[in-house]
Every structure is written in C-alpha cells, then in structure tokens.
C-alpha cells in the first residue's frame, strides 16, 4: 500500500513537472512569436506610412531597379549554389567514407558557414574583382552570396539523406537499381522537402545580404529598360554590370545619403525586403508541397 502511494505521488509530481515545463516552452515560443510579429509590424508600418507610388518606380527616385537587382542576384546565386550544394551533400551522405579527409571536408563546410559575410565580401573583392581585372558587377556579388549559401544547402542535403530510413535505399537496390539510380529516382525526391528548407534559408540570407555585396556588386545602378543587348552595361539582364540591391539601398540611405527623403526610402526598402522574403518563402513552400504530393502520388 505504501509503495502504491509513493508511486502515485511520483506520478503526480511527474505530471506537474511536465505541465510546468510545457507551459514554459509555450511561453518562450509565444514570446519569440510576439517579438517577430512586433518586429515585422514595426518595419511594415514605418515603411508604408510615408510611402508614395513614386518610391516603387524604376527611376532614381524609386527602388524598382534595386528590387530587380535583388531578385536577379539571388536567382544567379541559387543557380550556382543549389546544384553544387546538393551534389556536395549527396557526396557527403552517400559516397564519402568515414576518415580524416571526410572529417576535414565537414569541418571546412562548418567553418564556411560561420565565416562573417564581410570576410566573404573581401575574398570576393580580391578574387572576383581584382584578380579578374573587372569592375563591380552582379555576377561577382552572386558568386560571393553563393559562398554563403553553399554550407546551408550542403548541410541540409546531407542531413536529409542521412535521415531517410535505410529501407528506401535497400528496397531500390533490391529491385535492381544502381546506386546512382536509387539516389536520383528514390532518395532525392524523398529529400526534396528538407532540401527546399535549406534553399529557403539560403535565399533569405541572399535577400538580406549587404556586407558581402559592398565589395562585389557595387553601389550604383544604371538600367535602360529599352535596351536588351546583353553586352551593354545598361542592359537589365547583363550580369556583369554594377547592381545595387535593396539591402545596400537601406544601408546607403541610412549612412551616406543626403536626400531629404532618405529615411523614408530606407524604411520603404526594408518593408519591401520583408515582403519579398515572405513571398519567396510562401511560393517555395507551395512548390515544395506540390513536388511532395507528386512524388508520393497523392496529388489529384
């Protein structure tokens, strides 16, 4: 009888501790959620409070050109980093054998992910600008941003492959598929949701990057929207022209601009940048859901 009472008391204490810690975790999560909502609301309210239609124009008084440069640069960066990052993650998860070399490669990937963006910018300036004897350009900025995106995509891909049940690979090999066929036809489609998470994180860093682009992409923009000659320095699609992004616009407006509406431009650019990241995340999630349903055969 005494042992039963002790067991019941211990059970009550465990339930009480469980409820208490659950409440603590919910409170912490709610605090950060409220902090995020307050941060976003503050930026959006300040950004659109004094906004005018002219601020969204593709002229010197608007941020339309900077918005296009941001989208174009992130597109170029993902075009470079996504294939390389996925292949590197596949190598680390499926082909690399445990040993000093593999351990060294993993350390290099982790070290690259922790490098300050200003260091990446200086490296990009030395390698992509000075060593190539070129001027500031979007492609150099995309290469610098891709260096920041590579560790995220590589790590996410490798972790996604390792997290898959071993039966996926064994079943594919048992049916006569080769190792590479198993990867491309079975494992990679199953990893798409987690890989897309890494791509979203990488794109978010690219959208908000400023330090690495100061030394590579440049602080000027001269686009002639009637000129579609890719060799022209004023063509919008020419990746070898200077291109100021929204993040650089915010930095320049708050530090060195002498325009009377510099604060309003900075606030409006910040709001547009927040909405841009949110829109990209939503579209990526919708695409991810579509691919997941298609891969699992649940799409109607």
Protein backbone atom coordinates (compact mmCIF):
# COMPACT_ATOMS: atom_id res chain seq x y z
CA UNK A 1 0.00 0.00 0.00
CA UNK A 2 2.82 2.36 0.88
CA UNK A 3 4.64 1.60 -2.36
CA UNK A 4 1.45 2.29 -4.30
CA UNK A 5 1.02 5.69 -2.62
CA UNK A 6 4.64 6.55 -3.34
CA UNK A 7 4.20 5.58 -7.00
CA UNK A 8 1.07 7.74 -7.26
CA UNK A 9 2.86 10.69 -5.65
CA UNK A 10 5.79 10.32 -8.03
CA UNK A 11 3.37 10.14 -10.95
CA UNK A 12 1.64 13.35 -9.79
CA UNK A 13 4.98 15.09 -9.46
CA UNK A 14 5.97 13.97 -12.95
CA UNK A 15 2.70 15.23 -14.42
CA UNK A 16 3.08 18.53 -12.60
CA UNK A 17 6.65 18.95 -13.82
CA UNK A 18 5.57 18.01 -17.33
CA UNK A 19 2.75 20.58 -17.35
CA UNK A 20 5.05 23.22 -15.89
CA UNK A 21 7.79 22.68 -18.49
CA UNK A 22 5.20 22.54 -21.26
CA UNK A 23 3.90 25.91 -20.10
CA UNK A 24 7.45 27.30 -20.01
CA UNK A 25 8.16 26.14 -23.56
CA UNK A 26 4.86 27.53 -24.83
CA UNK A 27 5.64 30.84 -23.12
CA UNK A 28 9.09 31.00 -24.71
CA UNK A 29 7.66 30.17 -28.13
CA UNK A 30 4.90 32.74 -27.69
CA UNK A 31 7.42 35.39 -26.66
CA UNK A 32 9.52 34.89 -29.77
CA UNK A 33 6.41 34.79 -31.95
CA UNK A 34 5.19 38.09 -30.49
CA UNK A 35 8.69 39.55 -30.87
CA UNK A 36 8.76 38.53 -34.54
CA UNK A 37 5.27 39.91 -35.19
CA UNK A 38 6.15 43.18 -33.46
CA UNK A 39 9.36 43.46 -35.48
CA UNK A 40 7.61 42.81 -38.79
CA UNK A 41 4.71 45.12 -37.92
CA UNK A 42 7.11 47.92 -36.96
CA UNK A 43 9.00 47.65 -40.25
CA UNK A 44 5.87 47.43 -42.39
CA UNK A 45 4.10 50.32 -40.65
CA UNK A 46 7.14 52.59 -40.84
CA UNK A 47 7.82 51.52 -44.40
CA UNK A 48 4.38 52.14 -45.87
CA UNK A 49 3.31 55.05 -43.66
CA UNK A 50 5.07 57.70 -45.72
CA UNK A 51 5.34 55.68 -48.95
CA UNK A 52 4.35 57.14 -52.30
CA UNK A 53 3.84 55.41 -55.67
CA UNK A 54 6.95 57.19 -56.92
CA UNK A 55 9.09 55.19 -54.49
CA UNK A 56 8.29 51.98 -56.39
CA UNK A 57 9.19 53.40 -59.77
CA UNK A 58 12.17 52.34 -61.89
CA UNK A 59 13.77 55.77 -61.68
CA UNK A 60 16.37 57.39 -59.46
CA UNK A 61 13.60 58.37 -57.03
CA UNK A 62 12.31 54.81 -56.65
CA UNK A 63 13.58 51.39 -55.64
CA UNK A 64 12.28 49.41 -58.61
CA UNK A 65 15.75 48.89 -60.05
CA UNK A 66 17.10 47.80 -56.67
CA UNK A 67 14.21 45.35 -56.32
CA UNK A 68 15.01 43.82 -59.70
CA UNK A 69 18.73 43.66 -58.85
CA UNK A 70 17.92 41.81 -55.62
CA UNK A 71 15.77 39.21 -57.38
CA UNK A 72 18.27 38.79 -60.21
CA UNK A 73 21.26 38.44 -57.88
CA UNK A 74 19.52 35.86 -55.66
CA UNK A 75 18.47 33.94 -58.79
CA UNK A 76 22.08 33.86 -60.01
CA UNK A 77 23.37 32.87 -56.57
CA UNK A 78 20.89 29.99 -56.25
CA UNK A 79 21.63 28.93 -59.83
CA UNK A 80 25.25 28.48 -58.75
CA UNK A 81 24.90 27.20 -55.20
CA UNK A 82 21.90 24.84 -55.39
CA UNK A 83 23.38 22.28 -57.86
CA UNK A 84 26.82 22.38 -56.21
CA UNK A 85 25.36 22.23 -52.69
CA UNK A 86 23.05 19.30 -53.49
CA UNK A 87 25.84 17.34 -55.20
CA UNK A 88 28.18 18.04 -52.28
CA UNK A 89 25.53 16.91 -49.80
CA UNK A 90 24.93 13.72 -51.79
CA UNK A 91 28.66 13.03 -51.82
CA UNK A 92 29.00 13.50 -48.05
CA UNK A 93 25.95 11.35 -47.28
CA UNK A 94 26.26 8.58 -49.87
CA UNK A 95 29.81 8.32 -51.16
CA UNK A 96 32.26 9.76 -48.65
CA UNK A 97 33.78 7.15 -46.36
CA UNK A 98 34.49 7.95 -42.74
CA UNK A 99 38.07 9.07 -42.42
CA UNK A 100 40.36 12.06 -41.95
CA UNK A 101 39.60 13.52 -45.38
CA UNK A 102 35.83 13.36 -44.94
CA UNK A 103 36.14 14.78 -41.44
CA UNK A 104 38.26 17.62 -42.80
CA UNK A 105 35.70 18.38 -45.53
CA UNK A 106 32.89 18.54 -42.95
CA UNK A 107 34.96 20.89 -40.80
CA UNK A 108 35.55 23.10 -43.85
CA UNK A 109 31.82 23.23 -44.58
CA UNK A 110 31.04 24.16 -40.97
CA UNK A 111 33.79 26.78 -40.94
CA UNK A 112 32.50 28.29 -44.17
CA UNK A 113 29.01 28.59 -42.70
CA UNK A 114 30.37 30.53 -39.71
CA UNK A 115 32.51 32.99 -41.65
CA UNK A 116 31.41 36.64 -41.33
CA UNK A 117 29.87 37.96 -44.52
CA UNK A 118 32.34 40.87 -44.57
CA UNK A 119 35.17 38.33 -44.89
CA UNK A 120 33.37 36.68 -47.80
CA UNK A 121 32.98 40.12 -49.33
CA UNK A 122 36.69 40.88 -49.06
CA UNK A 123 37.52 37.46 -50.51
CA UNK A 124 35.11 38.10 -53.37
CA UNK A 125 36.65 41.50 -53.98
CA UNK A 126 40.16 40.06 -54.16
CA UNK A 127 39.29 37.01 -56.28
CA UNK A 128 36.27 38.03 -58.38
CA UNK A 129 37.17 41.69 -58.91
CA UNK A 130 40.90 42.34 -58.56
CA UNK A 131 42.22 39.03 -59.88
CA UNK A 132 39.89 39.14 -62.88
CA UNK A 133 40.64 42.84 -63.51
CA UNK A 134 36.93 43.65 -63.64
CA UNK A 135 34.64 46.26 -62.11
CA UNK A 136 31.92 45.71 -59.53
CA UNK A 137 29.23 43.52 -61.03
CA UNK A 138 26.21 41.41 -60.13
CA UNK A 139 27.87 38.14 -61.10
CA UNK A 140 30.71 38.72 -58.64
CA UNK A 141 28.09 39.50 -55.99
CA UNK A 142 26.21 36.31 -56.87
CA UNK A 143 29.42 34.29 -56.51
CA UNK A 144 30.05 35.84 -53.09
CA UNK A 145 26.48 35.14 -51.95
CA UNK A 146 26.71 31.58 -53.30
CA UNK A 147 29.65 31.01 -50.94
CA UNK A 148 27.34 31.94 -48.09
CA UNK A 149 24.55 29.70 -49.40
CA UNK A 150 26.66 26.60 -50.11
CA UNK A 151 27.12 25.43 -46.48
CA UNK A 152 23.39 25.70 -45.75
CA UNK A 153 22.35 23.72 -48.81
CA UNK A 154 25.16 21.15 -48.44
CA UNK A 155 24.44 20.51 -44.76
CA UNK A 156 20.68 20.36 -45.27
CA UNK A 157 21.02 17.92 -48.17
CA UNK A 158 23.43 15.64 -46.32
CA UNK A 159 21.23 15.60 -43.20
CA UNK A 160 18.13 14.91 -45.31
CA UNK A 161 19.76 11.86 -46.93
CA UNK A 162 21.00 10.53 -43.59
CA UNK A 163 17.55 10.93 -42.03
CA UNK A 164 15.85 8.71 -44.61
CA UNK A 165 15.01 5.16 -43.49
CA UNK A 166 17.57 2.65 -44.73
CA UNK A 167 14.75 0.63 -46.28
CA UNK A 168 14.36 3.24 -49.04
CA UNK A 169 17.82 2.56 -50.38
CA UNK A 170 17.78 -1.17 -49.71
CA UNK A 171 14.43 -1.62 -51.45
CA UNK A 172 15.60 0.28 -54.52
CA UNK A 173 18.83 -1.70 -54.74
CA UNK A 174 16.90 -4.96 -54.25
CA UNK A 175 14.80 -4.14 -57.31
CA UNK A 176 17.95 -3.93 -59.43
CA UNK A 177 18.56 -0.19 -59.46
CA UNK A 178 22.11 1.11 -59.35
CA UNK A 179 23.34 3.33 -56.56
CA UNK A 180 23.00 6.48 -58.68
CA UNK A 181 19.55 5.46 -59.91
CA UNK A 182 18.49 4.90 -56.31
CA UNK A 183 19.71 8.38 -55.42
CA UNK A 184 18.05 10.20 -58.33
CA UNK A 185 14.81 8.20 -58.51
CA UNK A 186 14.14 7.33 -54.88
CA UNK A 187 16.23 9.15 -52.30
CA UNK A 188 16.46 12.63 -53.81
CA UNK A 189 12.67 13.04 -54.39
CA UNK A 190 12.07 11.94 -50.80
CA UNK A 191 14.56 14.59 -49.58
CA UNK A 192 13.07 17.47 -51.58
CA UNK A 193 11.04 18.95 -48.65
CA UNK A 194 14.08 19.23 -46.39
CA UNK A 195 16.33 20.43 -49.20
CA UNK A 196 13.81 23.15 -50.02
CA UNK A 197 14.08 24.31 -46.42
CA UNK A 198 17.81 24.81 -46.92
CA UNK A 199 17.19 26.65 -50.20
CA UNK A 200 14.70 28.97 -48.48
CA UNK A 201 17.21 29.75 -45.71
CA UNK A 202 19.93 30.35 -48.29
CA UNK A 203 17.69 32.63 -50.35
CA UNK A 204 16.69 34.55 -47.24
CA UNK A 205 20.34 35.21 -46.48
CA UNK A 206 20.89 36.29 -50.07
CA UNK A 207 17.98 38.73 -49.97
CA UNK A 208 19.26 40.43 -46.85
CA UNK A 209 22.98 40.34 -47.57
CA UNK A 210 24.77 43.68 -47.71
CA UNK A 211 28.33 43.36 -46.40
CA UNK A 212 29.44 40.81 -48.99
CA UNK A 213 27.94 42.90 -51.79
CA UNK A 214 29.61 46.16 -50.83
CA UNK A 215 32.87 44.94 -52.35
CA UNK A 216 31.46 42.90 -55.24
CA UNK A 217 28.11 44.06 -56.64
CA UNK A 218 28.73 47.77 -56.26
CA UNK A 219 26.62 50.69 -55.08
CA UNK A 220 25.36 52.04 -58.40
CA UNK A 221 22.62 51.07 -60.83
CA UNK A 222 22.15 52.33 -64.38
CA UNK A 223 19.46 50.37 -66.22
CA UNK A 224 17.92 51.26 -69.56
CA UNK A 225 14.76 49.18 -69.80
CA UNK A 226 14.53 49.69 -73.55
CA UNK A 227 17.99 48.18 -74.07
CA UNK A 228 18.09 44.36 -74.22
CA UNK A 229 21.60 43.94 -75.60
CA UNK A 230 23.25 41.60 -73.08
CA UNK A 231 26.67 43.06 -73.84
CA UNK A 232 25.54 46.57 -72.92
CA UNK A 233 26.38 47.86 -69.42
CA UNK A 234 22.86 49.31 -69.12
CA UNK A 235 21.00 46.09 -70.02
CA UNK A 236 18.98 44.80 -67.07
CA UNK A 237 19.89 41.16 -67.76
CA UNK A 238 23.62 41.79 -68.12
CA UNK A 239 25.14 40.05 -65.07
CA UNK A 240 28.44 41.90 -65.47
CA UNK A 241 27.07 45.34 -64.66
CA UNK A 242 27.07 47.00 -61.22
CA UNK A 243 23.86 46.49 -59.31
CA UNK A 244 22.74 47.96 -56.01
CA UNK A 245 20.34 45.70 -54.08
CA UNK A 246 17.61 46.62 -51.60
CA UNK A 247 19.84 45.78 -48.63
CA UNK A 248 22.57 48.06 -49.96
CA UNK A 249 19.94 50.72 -50.62
CA UNK A 250 18.87 50.57 -46.98
CA UNK A 251 22.48 50.82 -45.79
CA UNK A 252 23.33 53.69 -48.14
CA UNK A 253 20.15 55.64 -47.33
CA UNK A 254 20.78 55.41 -43.58
CA UNK A 255 24.51 56.17 -43.63
CA UNK A 256 25.63 58.34 -46.53
CA UNK A 257 22.60 59.65 -48.40
CA UNK A 258 21.92 63.40 -48.30
CA UNK A 259 18.47 63.20 -49.92
CA UNK A 260 15.62 64.76 -47.98
CA UNK A 261 13.58 61.53 -48.13
CA UNK A 262 16.49 59.16 -47.35
CA UNK A 263 14.82 57.85 -44.18
CA UNK A 264 11.55 57.20 -45.99
CA UNK A 265 13.38 55.38 -48.79
CA UNK A 266 15.27 53.23 -46.27
CA UNK A 267 12.07 52.35 -44.39
CA UNK A 268 10.20 51.57 -47.61
CA UNK A 269 13.07 49.39 -48.89
CA UNK A 270 13.09 47.49 -45.60
CA UNK A 271 9.37 46.84 -45.85
CA UNK A 272 9.67 45.67 -49.46
CA UNK A 273 12.54 43.38 -48.45
CA UNK A 274 10.47 41.81 -45.66
CA UNK A 275 7.54 41.19 -48.02
CA UNK A 276 9.91 39.80 -50.64
CA UNK A 277 11.35 37.22 -48.25
CA UNK A 278 7.86 36.29 -47.04
CA UNK A 279 6.53 35.91 -50.59
CA UNK A 280 9.51 33.79 -51.64
CA UNK A 281 9.06 31.53 -48.62
CA UNK A 282 5.35 31.04 -49.34
CA UNK A 283 5.95 30.29 -53.02
CA UNK A 284 8.76 27.86 -52.16
CA UNK A 285 6.51 26.10 -49.64
CA UNK A 286 3.72 25.76 -52.22
CA UNK A 287 6.17 24.36 -54.77
CA UNK A 288 7.56 22.04 -52.12
CA UNK A 289 4.07 20.75 -51.29
CA UNK A 290 3.29 20.22 -54.97
CA UNK A 291 6.51 18.24 -55.52
CA UNK A 292 5.93 16.21 -52.36
CA UNK A 293 2.39 15.26 -53.43
CA UNK A 294 3.61 14.41 -56.90
CA UNK A 295 6.40 12.22 -55.52
CA UNK A 296 4.08 10.38 -53.12
CA UNK A 297 1.26 10.02 -55.66
CA UNK A 298 -1.27 11.89 -53.50
CA UNK A 299 -1.82 14.73 -55.97
CA UNK A 300 -5.23 14.62 -57.62
